[in-house]
Amino acid sequence: MQNLSMLWDRGEAALQSLGGMLGPVSFILEDGRSVSPLHVAPWANEDMADQPAILQRLRGVWPCVPFGAVPDRPLPERWREAQGRAVISDPAFEDPHGFGSNHHWTISAGGEGELLAEIEYPQASVIKSLQRRIVAVTGNAGLEFELTITARRDCEIPIGLHPCFVLPETPGAIKLHTGPHSGVWTHPLDERQPLSRFAEDQCFADLSVLKSRDGDEVDATALPFAGQSENLLLVTVVEGRLVLDNLEQNYRTVLEWDREIFPSLMLWISNRGRSQRPWLNRHLALGAEPVRAAFDLGVGISAASNPVNQQGVPTAWRFTAGESLTTRYAISATVLP
């Protein structure tokens, strides 16, 4: 394991080689307070050698290429055609959220206030490499990211970014602002022991007005939820900007990305729902993940005709051999206005 950190006048950030994950990150607000909006898993310093690599030191923000994994059970009827084509043979796609999320990157310090990371994918993979550049700008309580994905051969795959944000203990202490969106989808599969507050494979018009399994109205812009649950929602045709207002600590975090590349936002509302290791009903966090994907259902389903892209929402990126896709995104913090 390698770790690098950088310090600038408005914050500090640490980068680990495993998964290329950036975290913890602290920002110094304009009133002088230090805040840490990115999540670090509560087991991060425990021995987790028996767990998948992506979970061992789960933290912060990292890219997922490809995004998702093959489902382990049959999907609902309207997803069956896509699942029937979900056979992709690529050694880099066997790990959840791809090779880069589960292996060590080469990390280094660039110029002042700059961290660099790169990883080569297996020779047999259609993806050749990923490169990341993370920049802290003097005078700015924020970070700018650049990700380059290079393809070795023609392919069509789902891609995503994976920021994880802190959720306070108090229900409703975080208020989300996604801006306009075309719809909100619930995941077509719940976990084997139903943990989501929402029934599978439902569609709603607005994140602030969802229906629970019991028929109650739920405002999913007010987090965390009371009680224990594990929830996956896909917010489609978003504007490329998510605002998280921390009402307890009086600060705002802003995530910005390229909506033309990532037209959807997957929300992983981890509300202490999982009891098995390493979760142990202690994981409280929000994954707010810009994606070009059909949820986290893997390459075969996202690249096939599926209910999401049938509604005109792209769920995979088509690469040609030798092509590099570069995208930029940013995370910043300010005092609540």
Protein backbone atom coordinates (compact mmCIF):
# COMPACT_ATOMS: atom_id res chain seq x y z
CA MET A 1 0.00 0.00 0.00
CA GLN A 2 1.24 3.45 -0.93
CA ASN A 3 -0.18 6.71 0.38
CA LEU A 4 0.47 10.27 -0.71
CA SER A 5 -0.98 13.51 0.61
CA MET A 6 -0.97 17.14 -0.39
CA LEU A 7 -1.53 20.25 1.67
CA TRP A 8 -2.61 23.64 0.36
CA ASP A 9 -3.91 26.84 1.90
CA ARG A 10 -7.53 25.65 1.85
CA GLY A 11 -7.25 21.98 2.65
CA GLU A 12 -5.54 18.61 2.72
CA ALA A 13 -6.11 15.43 0.68
CA ALA A 14 -4.73 11.88 0.84
CA LEU A 15 -4.48 9.42 -2.06
CA GLN A 16 -4.04 5.65 -1.61
CA SER A 17 -2.78 3.26 -4.25
CA LEU A 18 -5.50 0.63 -3.64
CA GLY A 19 -8.39 1.52 -5.93
CA GLY A 20 -6.83 4.93 -6.57
CA MET A 21 -9.16 6.18 -3.83
CA LEU A 22 -8.83 9.78 -2.62
CA GLY A 23 -9.66 10.26 1.05
CA PRO A 24 -9.78 11.57 3.64
CA VAL A 25 -10.13 15.15 2.38
CA SER A 26 -10.52 18.25 4.51
CA PHE A 27 -11.45 21.73 3.29
CA ILE A 28 -10.95 25.01 5.15
CA LEU A 29 -14.05 27.13 4.73
CA GLU A 30 -14.08 30.90 4.36
CA ASP A 31 -14.95 31.26 8.07
CA GLY A 32 -11.84 29.25 9.03
CA ARG A 33 -13.55 25.98 9.95
CA SER A 34 -12.23 22.65 8.65
CA VAL A 35 -14.79 20.19 7.25
CA SER A 36 -14.44 16.69 5.79
CA PRO A 37 -17.35 15.92 3.45
CA LEU A 38 -15.91 12.72 1.93
CA HIS A 39 -16.60 9.42 3.69
CA VAL A 40 -14.08 6.93 5.07
CA ALA A 41 -15.51 3.51 5.97
CA PRO A 42 -15.55 2.75 9.73
CA TRP A 43 -13.49 -0.43 9.17
CA ALA A 44 -10.74 1.35 7.20
CA ASN A 45 -8.09 0.61 9.84
CA GLU A 46 -9.25 -2.95 10.61
CA ASP A 47 -7.87 -6.17 9.11
CA MET A 48 -10.12 -6.79 6.11
CA ALA A 49 -7.89 -9.13 4.10
CA ASP A 50 -10.82 -11.56 3.69
CA GLN A 51 -12.94 -8.91 1.95
CA PRO A 52 -13.00 -7.82 -1.72
CA ALA A 53 -10.24 -5.29 -2.37
CA ILE A 54 -12.72 -2.51 -3.16
CA LEU A 55 -14.10 -2.76 0.39
CA GLN A 56 -10.89 -3.18 2.37
CA ARG A 57 -10.10 0.55 2.66
CA LEU A 58 -13.27 2.03 1.17
CA ARG A 59 -13.11 5.82 1.07
CA GLY A 60 -13.57 9.08 -0.76
CA VAL A 61 -13.77 9.18 -4.53
CA TRP A 62 -12.48 6.97 -7.33
CA PRO A 63 -13.42 5.99 -10.93
CA CYS A 64 -15.23 2.79 -11.92
CA VAL A 65 -14.33 1.36 -15.35
CA PRO A 66 -16.46 -0.51 -16.10
CA PHE A 67 -19.19 0.50 -13.67
CA GLY A 68 -21.04 -2.27 -11.83
CA ALA A 69 -20.95 -6.07 -11.88
CA VAL A 70 -22.94 -8.96 -13.33
CA PRO A 71 -26.13 -9.53 -11.26
CA ASP A 72 -26.20 -12.75 -9.28
CA ARG A 73 -29.94 -13.37 -9.76
CA PRO A 74 -32.58 -13.08 -12.48
CA LEU A 75 -33.92 -9.58 -13.10
CA PRO A 76 -37.60 -8.61 -13.46
CA GLU A 77 -39.31 -9.53 -16.71
CA ARG A 78 -38.74 -6.26 -18.57
CA TRP A 79 -34.98 -6.57 -17.95
CA ARG A 80 -34.71 -10.20 -19.08
CA GLU A 81 -33.74 -9.52 -22.70
CA ALA A 82 -30.78 -7.41 -21.58
CA GLN A 83 -29.75 -9.99 -18.98
CA GLY A 84 -29.82 -12.70 -21.63
CA ARG A 85 -26.98 -10.88 -23.40
CA ALA A 86 -24.99 -10.17 -20.25
CA VAL A 87 -22.07 -12.49 -21.08
CA ILE A 88 -18.85 -10.52 -21.36
CA SER A 89 -15.45 -12.21 -21.19
CA ASP A 90 -12.83 -9.74 -19.99
CA PRO A 91 -10.42 -10.30 -17.08
CA ALA A 92 -10.73 -6.66 -16.02
CA PHE A 93 -14.50 -6.90 -15.67
CA GLU A 94 -14.57 -9.71 -13.10
CA ASP A 95 -14.02 -7.40 -10.13
CA PRO A 96 -16.92 -5.28 -8.83
CA HIS A 97 -16.67 -1.84 -10.49
CA GLY A 98 -13.74 -2.98 -12.60
CA PHE A 99 -10.04 -3.72 -12.33
CA GLY A 100 -9.08 -0.19 -11.27
CA SER A 101 -11.35 -0.27 -8.20
CA ASN A 102 -9.67 -3.40 -6.83
CA HIS A 103 -5.97 -3.11 -7.66
CA HIS A 104 -3.08 -0.84 -6.86
CA TRP A 105 -2.39 2.26 -8.92
CA THR A 106 0.97 3.92 -9.43
CA ILE A 107 0.66 7.21 -7.57
CA SER A 108 2.95 10.23 -7.54
CA ALA A 109 3.11 13.92 -6.76
CA GLY A 110 2.91 16.17 -9.80
CA GLY A 111 3.46 19.91 -9.59
CA GLU A 112 2.57 21.94 -6.52
CA GLY A 113 -0.88 20.98 -5.28
CA GLU A 114 -1.17 18.05 -7.69
CA LEU A 115 -1.48 14.28 -7.32
CA LEU A 116 -1.21 11.80 -10.20
CA ALA A 117 -2.34 8.19 -10.51
CA GLU A 118 -2.33 5.63 -13.30
CA ILE A 119 -3.09 1.96 -13.75
CA GLU A 120 -2.53 -0.44 -16.63
CA TYR A 121 -5.30 -2.98 -17.25
CA PRO A 122 -4.51 -6.63 -18.09
CA GLN A 123 -3.23 -7.17 -21.63
CA ALA A 124 -6.30 -9.22 -22.51
CA SER A 125 -8.70 -6.42 -21.53
CA VAL A 126 -10.42 -4.10 -23.99
CA ILE A 127 -9.40 -1.22 -21.71
CA LYS A 128 -5.74 -0.27 -21.81
CA SER A 129 -5.30 2.18 -18.93
CA LEU A 130 -6.70 4.85 -16.64
CA GLN A 131 -4.94 8.07 -15.67
CA ARG A 132 -6.05 10.55 -13.01
CA ARG A 133 -4.96 14.07 -12.16
CA ILE A 134 -6.14 15.72 -8.93
CA VAL A 135 -5.45 19.43 -8.49
CA ALA A 136 -5.89 21.73 -5.52
CA VAL A 137 -6.11 25.38 -6.52
CA THR A 138 -4.63 28.00 -4.19
CA GLY A 139 -7.40 30.00 -2.54
CA ASN A 140 -10.04 27.39 -3.36
CA ALA A 141 -11.68 25.02 -0.84
CA GLY A 142 -12.06 22.40 -3.51
CA LEU A 143 -10.43 19.89 -5.82
CA GLU A 144 -10.45 19.52 -9.59
CA PHE A 145 -10.21 16.05 -11.15
CA GLU A 146 -9.26 14.82 -14.60
CA LEU A 147 -9.79 11.21 -15.67
CA THR A 148 -8.55 9.69 -18.94
CA ILE A 149 -9.75 6.26 -20.08
CA THR A 150 -7.85 4.66 -22.97
CA ALA A 151 -9.28 1.71 -24.89
CA ARG A 152 -7.15 -1.08 -26.33
CA ARG A 153 -9.91 -2.43 -28.60
CA ASP A 154 -13.39 -1.45 -29.72
CA CYS A 155 -15.89 -1.82 -26.89
CA GLU A 156 -19.07 -0.46 -25.37
CA ILE A 157 -19.07 -0.32 -21.56
CA PRO A 158 -20.74 1.50 -18.65
CA ILE A 159 -18.53 4.03 -16.86
CA GLY A 160 -18.92 6.01 -13.66
CA LEU A 161 -17.40 8.14 -10.94
CA HIS A 162 -17.80 7.07 -7.32
CA PRO A 163 -17.75 9.84 -4.70
CA CYS A 164 -18.87 8.77 -1.20
CA PHE A 165 -20.03 11.52 1.14
CA VAL A 166 -20.44 11.67 4.90
CA LEU A 167 -23.95 11.36 6.34
CA PRO A 168 -24.46 12.70 9.89
CA GLU A 169 -26.26 10.64 12.54
CA THR A 170 -29.32 12.90 12.60
CA PRO A 171 -32.08 11.94 10.13
CA GLY A 172 -32.60 14.63 7.51
CA ALA A 173 -29.42 16.55 8.39
CA ILE A 174 -28.28 16.51 4.74
CA LYS A 175 -30.43 18.18 2.08
CA LEU A 176 -29.79 17.20 -1.54
CA HIS A 177 -30.36 19.47 -4.52
CA THR A 178 -30.07 17.62 -7.83
CA GLY A 179 -31.70 20.24 -10.03
CA PRO A 180 -34.15 19.18 -12.76
CA HIS A 181 -34.29 15.48 -13.65
CA SER A 182 -36.44 13.30 -15.87
CA GLY A 183 -37.17 10.57 -13.37
CA VAL A 184 -36.08 8.42 -10.43
CA TRP A 185 -35.78 4.64 -10.76
CA THR A 186 -35.56 2.13 -7.94
CA HIS A 187 -33.14 -0.76 -8.39
CA PRO A 188 -34.61 -3.82 -10.16
CA LEU A 189 -33.08 -6.14 -7.53
CA ASP A 190 -33.12 -5.70 -3.78
CA GLU A 191 -30.61 -7.51 -1.60
CA ARG A 192 -31.44 -11.11 -0.69
CA GLN A 193 -32.87 -9.95 2.61
CA PRO A 194 -34.96 -6.94 1.46
CA LEU A 195 -33.23 -3.86 2.80
CA SER A 196 -34.51 -1.03 0.61
CA ARG A 197 -37.29 1.29 1.71
CA PHE A 198 -38.60 1.13 -1.84
CA ALA A 199 -40.11 -1.67 -3.92
CA GLU A 200 -37.98 -2.94 -6.80
CA ASP A 201 -38.13 -1.59 -10.34
CA GLN A 202 -40.36 1.43 -9.75
CA CYS A 203 -40.24 4.80 -11.51
CA PHE A 204 -41.09 8.16 -9.95
CA ALA A 205 -41.13 11.72 -11.25
CA ASP A 206 -39.27 13.50 -8.46
CA LEU A 207 -36.66 12.56 -5.85
CA SER A 208 -38.52 14.47 -3.16
CA VAL A 209 -41.75 12.48 -3.59
CA LEU A 210 -41.16 8.72 -3.61
CA LYS A 211 -43.41 5.96 -2.33
CA SER A 212 -42.09 3.45 0.19
CA ARG A 213 -42.94 -0.26 0.19
CA ASP A 214 -45.65 0.56 2.72
CA GLY A 215 -47.13 3.33 0.58
CA ASP A 216 -45.75 6.19 2.68
CA GLU A 217 -44.41 9.29 0.97
CA VAL A 218 -40.63 9.60 1.27
CA ASP A 219 -38.49 12.66 0.60
CA ALA A 220 -35.21 11.16 -0.62
CA THR A 221 -33.56 14.59 -0.68
CA ALA A 222 -33.51 14.55 3.15
CA LEU A 223 -30.83 12.15 4.41
CA PRO A 224 -30.06 10.00 6.23
CA PHE A 225 -33.32 8.11 6.67
CA ALA A 226 -34.44 7.00 10.12
CA GLY A 227 -33.90 3.31 10.83
CA GLN A 228 -31.85 0.80 8.87
CA SER A 229 -32.04 0.41 5.09
CA GLU A 230 -29.88 0.05 1.97
CA ASN A 231 -31.16 1.92 -1.08
CA LEU A 232 -30.11 2.32 -4.71
CA LEU A 233 -31.80 4.96 -6.87
CA LEU A 234 -31.01 6.13 -10.41
CA VAL A 235 -31.78 9.79 -11.11
CA THR A 236 -31.84 10.31 -14.88
CA VAL A 237 -31.13 13.30 -17.15
CA VAL A 238 -29.55 15.41 -14.44
CA GLU A 239 -27.81 18.74 -15.01
CA GLY A 240 -24.34 17.70 -13.84
CA ARG A 241 -24.42 19.42 -10.46
CA LEU A 242 -25.30 18.03 -7.04
CA VAL A 243 -25.49 20.20 -3.92
CA LEU A 244 -25.36 18.65 -0.43
CA ASP A 245 -26.31 21.04 2.38
CA ASN A 246 -25.11 19.91 5.81
CA LEU A 247 -27.69 21.56 8.04
CA GLU A 248 -25.97 20.45 11.27
CA GLN A 249 -22.54 21.84 10.44
CA ASN A 250 -23.72 24.72 8.27
CA TYR A 251 -21.74 24.03 5.11
CA ARG A 252 -22.42 23.10 1.50
CA THR A 253 -20.61 20.57 -0.69
CA VAL A 254 -20.91 20.80 -4.47
CA LEU A 255 -20.14 17.99 -6.94
CA GLU A 256 -19.94 19.03 -10.62
CA TRP A 257 -19.39 16.83 -13.68
CA ASP A 258 -19.94 16.64 -17.45
CA ARG A 259 -23.59 15.71 -18.00
CA GLU A 260 -22.94 14.82 -21.65
CA ILE A 261 -20.66 11.99 -20.54
CA PHE A 262 -22.53 11.04 -17.34
CA PRO A 263 -26.26 11.72 -17.87
CA SER A 264 -27.44 9.95 -14.70
CA LEU A 265 -26.70 10.02 -10.98
CA MET A 266 -26.85 6.80 -8.99
CA LEU A 267 -27.55 7.35 -5.31
CA TRP A 268 -26.33 4.66 -2.93
CA ILE A 269 -28.00 5.55 0.36
CA SER A 270 -26.22 3.24 2.78
CA ASN A 271 -28.28 3.62 5.93
CA ARG A 272 -26.80 0.93 8.25
CA GLY A 273 -28.80 -1.71 6.38
CA ARG A 274 -26.21 -4.49 5.93
CA SER A 275 -25.40 -6.72 8.89
CA GLN A 276 -22.65 -8.94 7.41
CA ARG A 277 -18.92 -8.19 7.51
CA PRO A 278 -17.56 -5.61 7.02
CA TRP A 279 -20.77 -3.58 7.30
CA LEU A 280 -22.10 -4.74 10.71
CA ASN A 281 -24.96 -2.21 10.58
CA ARG A 282 -22.47 0.64 11.06
CA HIS A 283 -22.09 1.98 7.52
CA LEU A 284 -23.74 5.36 7.07
CA ALA A 285 -22.81 7.15 3.83
CA LEU A 286 -24.07 8.51 0.53
CA GLY A 287 -22.58 7.34 -2.73
CA ALA A 288 -23.48 10.06 -5.26
CA GLU A 289 -22.22 8.53 -8.48
CA PRO A 290 -22.34 10.22 -11.91
CA VAL A 291 -22.80 7.35 -14.35
CA ARG A 292 -23.38 6.35 -17.91
CA ALA A 293 -24.87 3.04 -16.86
CA ALA A 294 -28.03 1.09 -16.12
CA PHE A 295 -27.61 1.12 -12.35
CA ASP A 296 -24.68 -1.14 -11.31
CA LEU A 297 -25.81 -4.10 -13.41
CA GLY A 298 -22.58 -4.51 -15.36
CA VAL A 299 -21.35 -4.41 -18.93
CA GLY A 300 -23.70 -6.83 -20.64
CA ILE A 301 -26.90 -5.18 -19.43
CA SER A 302 -25.77 -1.56 -19.77
CA ALA A 303 -24.46 -2.15 -23.31
CA ALA A 304 -27.64 -3.98 -24.40
CA SER A 305 -31.09 -2.54 -24.95
CA ASN A 306 -32.51 -2.06 -21.43
CA PRO A 307 -35.40 -0.14 -19.84
CA VAL A 308 -33.24 2.89 -19.05
CA ASN A 309 -31.74 3.47 -22.51
CA GLN A 310 -35.09 2.65 -24.08
CA GLN A 311 -36.18 5.94 -22.49
CA GLY A 312 -33.40 7.78 -24.33
CA VAL A 313 -30.88 7.80 -21.46
CA PRO A 314 -27.44 6.48 -22.56
CA THR A 315 -26.11 3.65 -20.40
CA ALA A 316 -22.72 2.85 -22.00
CA TRP A 317 -19.85 4.62 -23.77
CA ARG A 318 -18.71 3.32 -27.16
CA PHE A 319 -14.91 3.32 -27.51
CA THR A 320 -12.90 2.68 -30.64
CA ALA A 321 -9.49 1.01 -30.42
CA GLY A 322 -6.83 3.46 -29.26
CA GLU A 323 -9.38 6.13 -28.28
CA SER A 324 -8.92 8.12 -25.05
CA LEU A 325 -11.85 9.73 -23.28
CA THR A 326 -10.96 12.57 -20.90
CA THR A 327 -13.49 13.97 -18.47
CA ARG A 328 -13.25 16.60 -15.72
CA TYR A 329 -15.17 16.99 -12.49
CA ALA A 330 -14.86 18.91 -9.22
CA ILE A 331 -15.75 18.82 -5.52
CA SER A 332 -15.82 21.99 -3.39
CA ALA A 333 -17.17 23.27 -0.07
CA THR A 334 -18.49 26.63 1.18
CA VAL A 335 -20.34 28.01 4.18
CA LEU A 336 -24.11 27.68 3.72
CA PRO A 337 -25.52 30.94 2.31
